[in-house]
Amino acid sequence: MTTTLTTTLAQATEAALRAAPVLAATPDTTRADWLRAVADAMDVNADELAQLADTETHLGAVRLRGEVARTSGQLRLFAAVITDGGYLEVTIDHADENLTPPRPDLRRVLRPLGPVAV
């Protein structure tokens, strides 16, 4: 079983590494559209998802439908953050020659590094 899990994990890691540059090059609007599409699909299939999850967790359909709604809401929130660019945390410190020492023009933006596993 450990060998199978290790193989599956290695395959998933390799797939994520191959997908990362493609996803990083995808326009923000497209990624936001993907998240909204997943949220919409989850909402449409909430009863089926809750039933499936209940067979594994026994948490009950009511709670699990709530979890589906919470997750789809989070996906829509993430789509909004992508759309407004807030996730980039852009910072611009303009040059100031009057300071000692003078400060150069400094700009910072967050950029994706690639897959992260937890």
N, C-alpha and C. Protein backbone atom coordinates (compact mmCIF):
# COMPACT_ATOMS: atom_id res chain seq x y z
N MET A 1 0.83 -1.19 0.00
CA MET A 1 0.00 0.00 0.00
C MET A 1 0.87 1.25 0.00
N THR A 2 1.97 1.25 0.75
CA THR A 2 2.85 2.41 0.79
C THR A 2 3.45 2.68 -0.58
N THR A 3 3.81 1.62 -1.32
CA THR A 3 4.36 1.80 -2.66
C THR A 3 3.34 2.45 -3.58
N THR A 4 2.10 2.01 -3.50
CA THR A 4 1.04 2.59 -4.32
C THR A 4 0.85 4.06 -3.97
N LEU A 5 0.81 4.38 -2.70
CA LEU A 5 0.65 5.77 -2.26
C LEU A 5 1.83 6.61 -2.71
N THR A 6 3.04 6.09 -2.58
CA THR A 6 4.23 6.81 -3.01
C THR A 6 4.20 7.07 -4.51
N THR A 7 3.80 6.06 -5.28
CA THR A 7 3.70 6.21 -6.73
C THR A 7 2.65 7.25 -7.09
N THR A 8 1.50 7.19 -6.46
CA THR A 8 0.42 8.15 -6.72
C THR A 8 0.87 9.56 -6.36
N LEU A 9 1.52 9.72 -5.24
CA LEU A 9 2.02 11.03 -4.82
C LEU A 9 3.07 11.55 -5.81
N ALA A 10 3.96 10.68 -6.24
CA ALA A 10 4.98 11.10 -7.22
C ALA A 10 4.33 11.52 -8.53
N GLN A 11 3.33 10.79 -8.97
CA GLN A 11 2.64 11.13 -10.22
C GLN A 11 1.90 12.46 -10.08
N ALA A 12 1.25 12.68 -8.96
CA ALA A 12 0.54 13.94 -8.74
C ALA A 12 1.52 15.11 -8.68
N THR A 13 2.66 14.90 -8.05
CA THR A 13 3.68 15.95 -7.96
C THR A 13 4.21 16.30 -9.34
N GLU A 14 4.51 15.29 -10.13
CA GLU A 14 5.01 15.53 -11.49
C GLU A 14 3.97 16.26 -12.34
N ALA A 15 2.71 15.87 -12.22
CA ALA A 15 1.64 16.55 -12.97
C ALA A 15 1.52 18.00 -12.55
N ALA A 16 1.62 18.26 -11.26
CA ALA A 16 1.55 19.64 -10.76
C ALA A 16 2.72 20.47 -11.26
N LEU A 17 3.90 19.88 -11.27
CA LEU A 17 5.08 20.60 -11.78
C LEU A 17 4.95 20.93 -13.26
N ARG A 18 4.36 20.02 -14.04
CA ARG A 18 4.17 20.29 -15.47
C ARG A 18 3.09 21.35 -15.69
N ALA A 19 2.07 21.36 -14.85
CA ALA A 19 0.96 22.30 -15.02
C ALA A 19 1.30 23.70 -14.53
N ALA A 20 2.19 23.84 -13.58
CA ALA A 20 2.46 25.14 -12.94
C ALA A 20 2.81 26.25 -13.92
N PRO A 21 3.75 26.05 -14.85
CA PRO A 21 4.08 27.16 -15.76
C PRO A 21 2.91 27.54 -16.68
N VAL A 22 2.13 26.54 -17.06
CA VAL A 22 0.96 26.80 -17.91
C VAL A 22 -0.05 27.65 -17.14
N LEU A 23 -0.33 27.26 -15.91
CA LEU A 23 -1.28 28.01 -15.09
C LEU A 23 -0.77 29.42 -14.77
N ALA A 24 0.53 29.54 -14.50
CA ALA A 24 1.09 30.86 -14.19
C ALA A 24 1.00 31.80 -15.38
N ALA A 25 1.03 31.25 -16.59
CA ALA A 25 0.95 32.08 -17.80
C ALA A 25 -0.49 32.37 -18.23
N THR A 26 -1.44 31.77 -17.55
CA THR A 26 -2.86 31.96 -17.90
C THR A 26 -3.33 33.31 -17.36
N PRO A 27 -4.08 34.06 -18.15
CA PRO A 27 -4.58 35.36 -17.69
C PRO A 27 -5.44 35.23 -16.41
N ASP A 28 -5.34 36.24 -15.57
CA ASP A 28 -6.11 36.25 -14.32
C ASP A 28 -7.60 36.04 -14.57
N THR A 29 -8.13 36.67 -15.60
CA THR A 29 -9.57 36.54 -15.86
C THR A 29 -9.95 35.10 -16.17
N THR A 30 -9.08 34.38 -16.84
CA THR A 30 -9.35 32.97 -17.15
C THR A 30 -9.34 32.14 -15.89
N ARG A 31 -8.34 32.35 -15.04
CA ARG A 31 -8.28 31.59 -13.78
C ARG A 31 -9.48 31.90 -12.90
N ALA A 32 -9.90 33.15 -12.87
CA ALA A 32 -11.09 33.51 -12.09
C ALA A 32 -12.33 32.83 -12.67
N ASP A 33 -12.42 32.78 -13.98
CA ASP A 33 -13.55 32.08 -14.63
C ASP A 33 -13.56 30.60 -14.26
N TRP A 34 -12.37 29.97 -14.22
CA TRP A 34 -12.30 28.56 -13.83
C TRP A 34 -12.84 28.35 -12.42
N LEU A 35 -12.44 29.23 -11.50
CA LEU A 35 -12.90 29.09 -10.11
C LEU A 35 -14.41 29.26 -10.01
N ARG A 36 -14.95 30.25 -10.72
CA ARG A 36 -16.41 30.44 -10.71
C ARG A 36 -17.13 29.25 -11.33
N ALA A 37 -16.56 28.66 -12.37
CA ALA A 37 -17.18 27.49 -13.01
C ALA A 37 -17.20 26.29 -12.05
N VAL A 38 -16.11 26.09 -11.31
CA VAL A 38 -16.08 25.01 -10.33
C VAL A 38 -17.11 25.27 -9.24
N ALA A 39 -17.19 26.51 -8.76
CA ALA A 39 -18.18 26.86 -7.74
C ALA A 39 -19.60 26.60 -8.24
N ASP A 40 -19.88 26.99 -9.47
CA ASP A 40 -21.21 26.76 -10.04
C ASP A 40 -21.51 25.26 -10.13
N ALA A 41 -20.53 24.47 -10.58
CA ALA A 41 -20.73 23.03 -10.69
C ALA A 41 -20.94 22.40 -9.31
N MET A 42 -20.22 22.87 -8.31
CA MET A 42 -20.42 22.36 -6.95
C MET A 42 -21.84 22.65 -6.47
N ASP A 43 -22.30 23.87 -6.71
CA ASP A 43 -23.65 24.24 -6.27
C ASP A 43 -24.72 23.40 -6.96
N VAL A 44 -24.55 23.18 -8.26
CA VAL A 44 -25.52 22.38 -9.01
C VAL A 44 -25.56 20.94 -8.50
N ASN A 45 -24.41 20.43 -8.08
CA ASN A 45 -24.29 19.04 -7.64
C ASN A 45 -24.15 18.89 -6.13
N ALA A 46 -24.60 19.89 -5.38
CA ALA A 46 -24.41 19.89 -3.93
C ALA A 46 -25.01 18.66 -3.25
N ASP A 47 -26.20 18.25 -3.65
CA ASP A 47 -26.82 17.09 -3.01
C ASP A 47 -26.01 15.82 -3.25
N GLU A 48 -25.55 15.63 -4.49
CA GLU A 48 -24.75 14.46 -4.81
C GLU A 48 -23.41 14.47 -4.07
N LEU A 49 -22.78 15.65 -4.02
CA LEU A 49 -21.51 15.77 -3.29
C LEU A 49 -21.70 15.48 -1.80
N ALA A 50 -22.77 16.02 -1.23
CA ALA A 50 -23.04 15.81 0.20
C ALA A 50 -23.29 14.33 0.48
N GLN A 51 -24.04 13.68 -0.39
CA GLN A 51 -24.33 12.26 -0.21
C GLN A 51 -23.05 11.43 -0.29
N LEU A 52 -22.22 11.72 -1.27
CA LEU A 52 -20.95 11.00 -1.42
C LEU A 52 -20.05 11.22 -0.20
N ALA A 53 -19.94 12.47 0.22
CA ALA A 53 -19.10 12.78 1.38
C ALA A 53 -19.65 12.13 2.65
N ASP A 54 -20.95 12.02 2.75
CA ASP A 54 -21.56 11.41 3.94
C ASP A 54 -21.21 9.93 4.03
N THR A 55 -21.06 9.26 2.90
CA THR A 55 -20.68 7.84 2.95
C THR A 55 -19.28 7.67 3.52
N GLU A 56 -18.43 8.68 3.37
CA GLU A 56 -17.06 8.61 3.89
C GLU A 56 -16.92 9.19 5.29
N THR A 57 -17.70 10.24 5.59
CA THR A 57 -17.48 10.96 6.85
C THR A 57 -18.58 10.77 7.88
N HIS A 58 -19.78 10.44 7.43
CA HIS A 58 -20.96 10.31 8.30
C HIS A 58 -21.25 11.61 9.06
N LEU A 59 -20.97 12.75 8.43
CA LEU A 59 -21.23 14.04 9.07
C LEU A 59 -22.66 14.52 8.85
N GLY A 60 -23.39 13.89 7.99
CA GLY A 60 -24.78 14.26 7.74
C GLY A 60 -24.93 15.18 6.55
N ALA A 61 -26.01 14.97 5.82
CA ALA A 61 -26.25 15.71 4.58
C ALA A 61 -26.38 17.21 4.82
N VAL A 62 -27.04 17.62 5.88
CA VAL A 62 -27.25 19.05 6.13
C VAL A 62 -25.91 19.76 6.32
N ARG A 63 -25.07 19.20 7.18
CA ARG A 63 -23.76 19.82 7.40
C ARG A 63 -22.94 19.83 6.12
N LEU A 64 -22.96 18.73 5.40
CA LEU A 64 -22.13 18.63 4.21
C LEU A 64 -22.62 19.54 3.09
N ARG A 65 -23.92 19.75 2.96
CA ARG A 65 -24.41 20.73 1.99
C ARG A 65 -23.92 22.12 2.38
N GLY A 66 -23.86 22.39 3.68
CA GLY A 66 -23.29 23.65 4.15
C GLY A 66 -21.82 23.78 3.80
N GLU A 67 -21.09 22.68 3.89
CA GLU A 67 -19.67 22.69 3.53
C GLU A 67 -19.49 22.94 2.04
N VAL A 68 -20.36 22.37 1.22
CA VAL A 68 -20.30 22.62 -0.22
C VAL A 68 -20.55 24.10 -0.49
N ALA A 69 -21.57 24.66 0.17
CA ALA A 69 -21.88 26.09 -0.03
C ALA A 69 -20.73 26.98 0.44
N ARG A 70 -20.13 26.62 1.57
CA ARG A 70 -18.99 27.40 2.09
C ARG A 70 -17.83 27.35 1.09
N THR A 71 -17.55 26.17 0.57
CA THR A 71 -16.44 26.02 -0.37
C THR A 71 -16.70 26.77 -1.66
N SER A 72 -17.91 26.67 -2.20
CA SER A 72 -18.20 27.39 -3.45
C SER A 72 -18.13 28.90 -3.21
N GLY A 73 -18.55 29.34 -2.03
CA GLY A 73 -18.42 30.76 -1.69
C GLY A 73 -16.97 31.20 -1.63
N GLN A 74 -16.11 30.35 -1.06
CA GLN A 74 -14.68 30.67 -1.00
C GLN A 74 -14.07 30.73 -2.39
N LEU A 75 -14.48 29.82 -3.27
CA LEU A 75 -13.96 29.84 -4.63
C LEU A 75 -14.35 31.14 -5.34
N ARG A 76 -15.58 31.60 -5.11
CA ARG A 76 -16.01 32.87 -5.71
C ARG A 76 -15.24 34.05 -5.11
N LEU A 77 -14.95 33.98 -3.82
CA LEU A 77 -14.13 35.01 -3.19
C LEU A 77 -12.73 35.02 -3.80
N PHE A 78 -12.13 33.85 -3.97
CA PHE A 78 -10.80 33.77 -4.58
C PHE A 78 -10.83 34.33 -6.00
N ALA A 79 -11.91 34.05 -6.74
CA ALA A 79 -12.04 34.59 -8.10
C ALA A 79 -12.08 36.11 -8.07
N ALA A 80 -12.78 36.68 -7.10
CA ALA A 80 -12.85 38.14 -6.98
C ALA A 80 -11.48 38.73 -6.65
N VAL A 81 -10.73 38.06 -5.78
CA VAL A 81 -9.39 38.53 -5.42
C VAL A 81 -8.46 38.46 -6.63
N ILE A 82 -8.58 37.39 -7.42
CA ILE A 82 -7.77 37.30 -8.64
C ILE A 82 -8.12 38.44 -9.58
N THR A 83 -9.42 38.70 -9.73
CA THR A 83 -9.87 39.73 -10.66
C THR A 83 -9.39 41.11 -10.25
N ASP A 84 -9.41 41.42 -8.93
CA ASP A 84 -8.99 42.76 -8.51
C ASP A 84 -7.48 42.88 -8.33
N GLY A 85 -6.75 41.76 -8.41
CA GLY A 85 -5.30 41.78 -8.33
C GLY A 85 -4.74 41.93 -6.93
N GLY A 86 -5.59 41.90 -5.92
CA GLY A 86 -5.13 42.07 -4.54
C GLY A 86 -4.11 41.03 -4.10
N TYR A 87 -4.19 39.84 -4.67
CA TYR A 87 -3.27 38.77 -4.26
C TYR A 87 -1.82 39.08 -4.64
N LEU A 88 -1.62 40.00 -5.56
CA LEU A 88 -0.26 40.33 -6.00
C LEU A 88 0.50 41.18 -4.97
N GLU A 89 -0.26 41.86 -4.10
CA GLU A 89 0.33 42.74 -3.08
C GLU A 89 1.38 43.68 -3.68
N VAL A 90 0.99 44.37 -4.74
CA VAL A 90 1.90 45.29 -5.42
C VAL A 90 2.27 46.44 -4.48
N THR A 91 3.55 46.70 -4.37
CA THR A 91 4.06 47.81 -3.57
C THR A 91 5.04 48.62 -4.42
N ILE A 92 4.84 49.93 -4.42
CA ILE A 92 5.75 50.82 -5.16
C ILE A 92 6.26 51.90 -4.20
N ASP A 93 7.56 51.92 -4.00
CA ASP A 93 8.21 52.98 -3.24
C ASP A 93 8.98 53.84 -4.24
N HIS A 94 8.47 55.02 -4.50
CA HIS A 94 9.09 55.89 -5.50
C HIS A 94 10.43 56.43 -4.99
N ALA A 95 11.29 56.70 -5.94
CA ALA A 95 12.61 57.24 -5.61
C ALA A 95 12.46 58.56 -4.86
N ASP A 96 13.38 58.78 -3.91
CA ASP A 96 13.39 60.05 -3.17
C ASP A 96 14.85 60.44 -2.95
N GLU A 97 15.30 61.40 -3.73
CA GLU A 97 16.70 61.84 -3.64
C GLU A 97 16.96 62.71 -2.43
N ASN A 98 15.90 63.17 -1.76
CA ASN A 98 16.06 64.04 -0.59
C ASN A 98 16.37 63.25 0.68
N LEU A 99 16.24 61.94 0.65
CA LEU A 99 16.56 61.12 1.81
C LEU A 99 18.06 60.87 1.87
N THR A 100 18.55 60.56 3.06
CA THR A 100 19.95 60.22 3.23
C THR A 100 20.02 58.81 3.78
N PRO A 101 20.52 57.86 3.07
CA PRO A 101 20.93 57.96 1.66
C PRO A 101 19.69 58.02 0.76
N PRO A 102 19.86 58.46 -0.48
CA PRO A 102 18.72 58.55 -1.39
C PRO A 102 18.09 57.17 -1.61
N ARG A 103 16.78 57.17 -1.72
CA ARG A 103 16.08 55.90 -1.94
C ARG A 103 15.83 55.71 -3.44
N PRO A 104 16.18 54.55 -3.97
CA PRO A 104 15.89 54.28 -5.38
C PRO A 104 14.42 53.91 -5.55
N ASP A 105 13.96 53.86 -6.78
CA ASP A 105 12.61 53.41 -7.08
C ASP A 105 12.55 51.90 -6.84
N LEU A 106 11.71 51.48 -5.90
CA LEU A 106 11.61 50.07 -5.54
C LEU A 106 10.19 49.57 -5.82
N ARG A 107 10.07 48.43 -6.46
CA ARG A 107 8.77 47.85 -6.77
C ARG A 107 8.79 46.38 -6.37
N ARG A 108 7.66 45.94 -5.79
CA ARG A 108 7.56 44.56 -5.35
C ARG A 108 6.20 44.01 -5.78
N VAL A 109 6.20 42.76 -6.20
CA VAL A 109 4.97 42.08 -6.56
C VAL A 109 5.16 40.59 -6.26
N LEU A 110 4.13 39.95 -5.73
CA LEU A 110 4.19 38.52 -5.48
C LEU A 110 4.04 37.76 -6.80
N ARG A 111 4.82 36.69 -6.94
CA ARG A 111 4.77 35.87 -8.14
C ARG A 111 4.68 34.41 -7.73
N PRO A 112 3.97 33.60 -8.52
CA PRO A 112 3.87 32.18 -8.16
C PRO A 112 5.22 31.48 -8.28
N LEU A 113 5.49 30.62 -7.33
CA LEU A 113 6.73 29.84 -7.35
C LEU A 113 6.52 28.45 -7.91
N GLY A 114 5.31 27.96 -7.82
CA GLY A 114 5.02 26.61 -8.30
C GLY A 114 4.17 25.86 -7.28
N PRO A 115 4.02 24.58 -7.47
CA PRO A 115 3.17 23.78 -6.59
C PRO A 115 3.68 23.77 -5.15
N VAL A 116 2.73 23.72 -4.23
CA VAL A 116 3.04 23.60 -2.80
C VAL A 116 2.18 22.46 -2.26
N ALA A 117 2.77 21.55 -1.54
CA ALA A 117 2.02 20.42 -0.98
C ALA A 117 2.01 20.52 0.53
N VAL A 118 0.87 20.18 1.10
CA VAL A 118 0.74 20.18 2.55
C VAL A 118 0.30 18.80 2.99
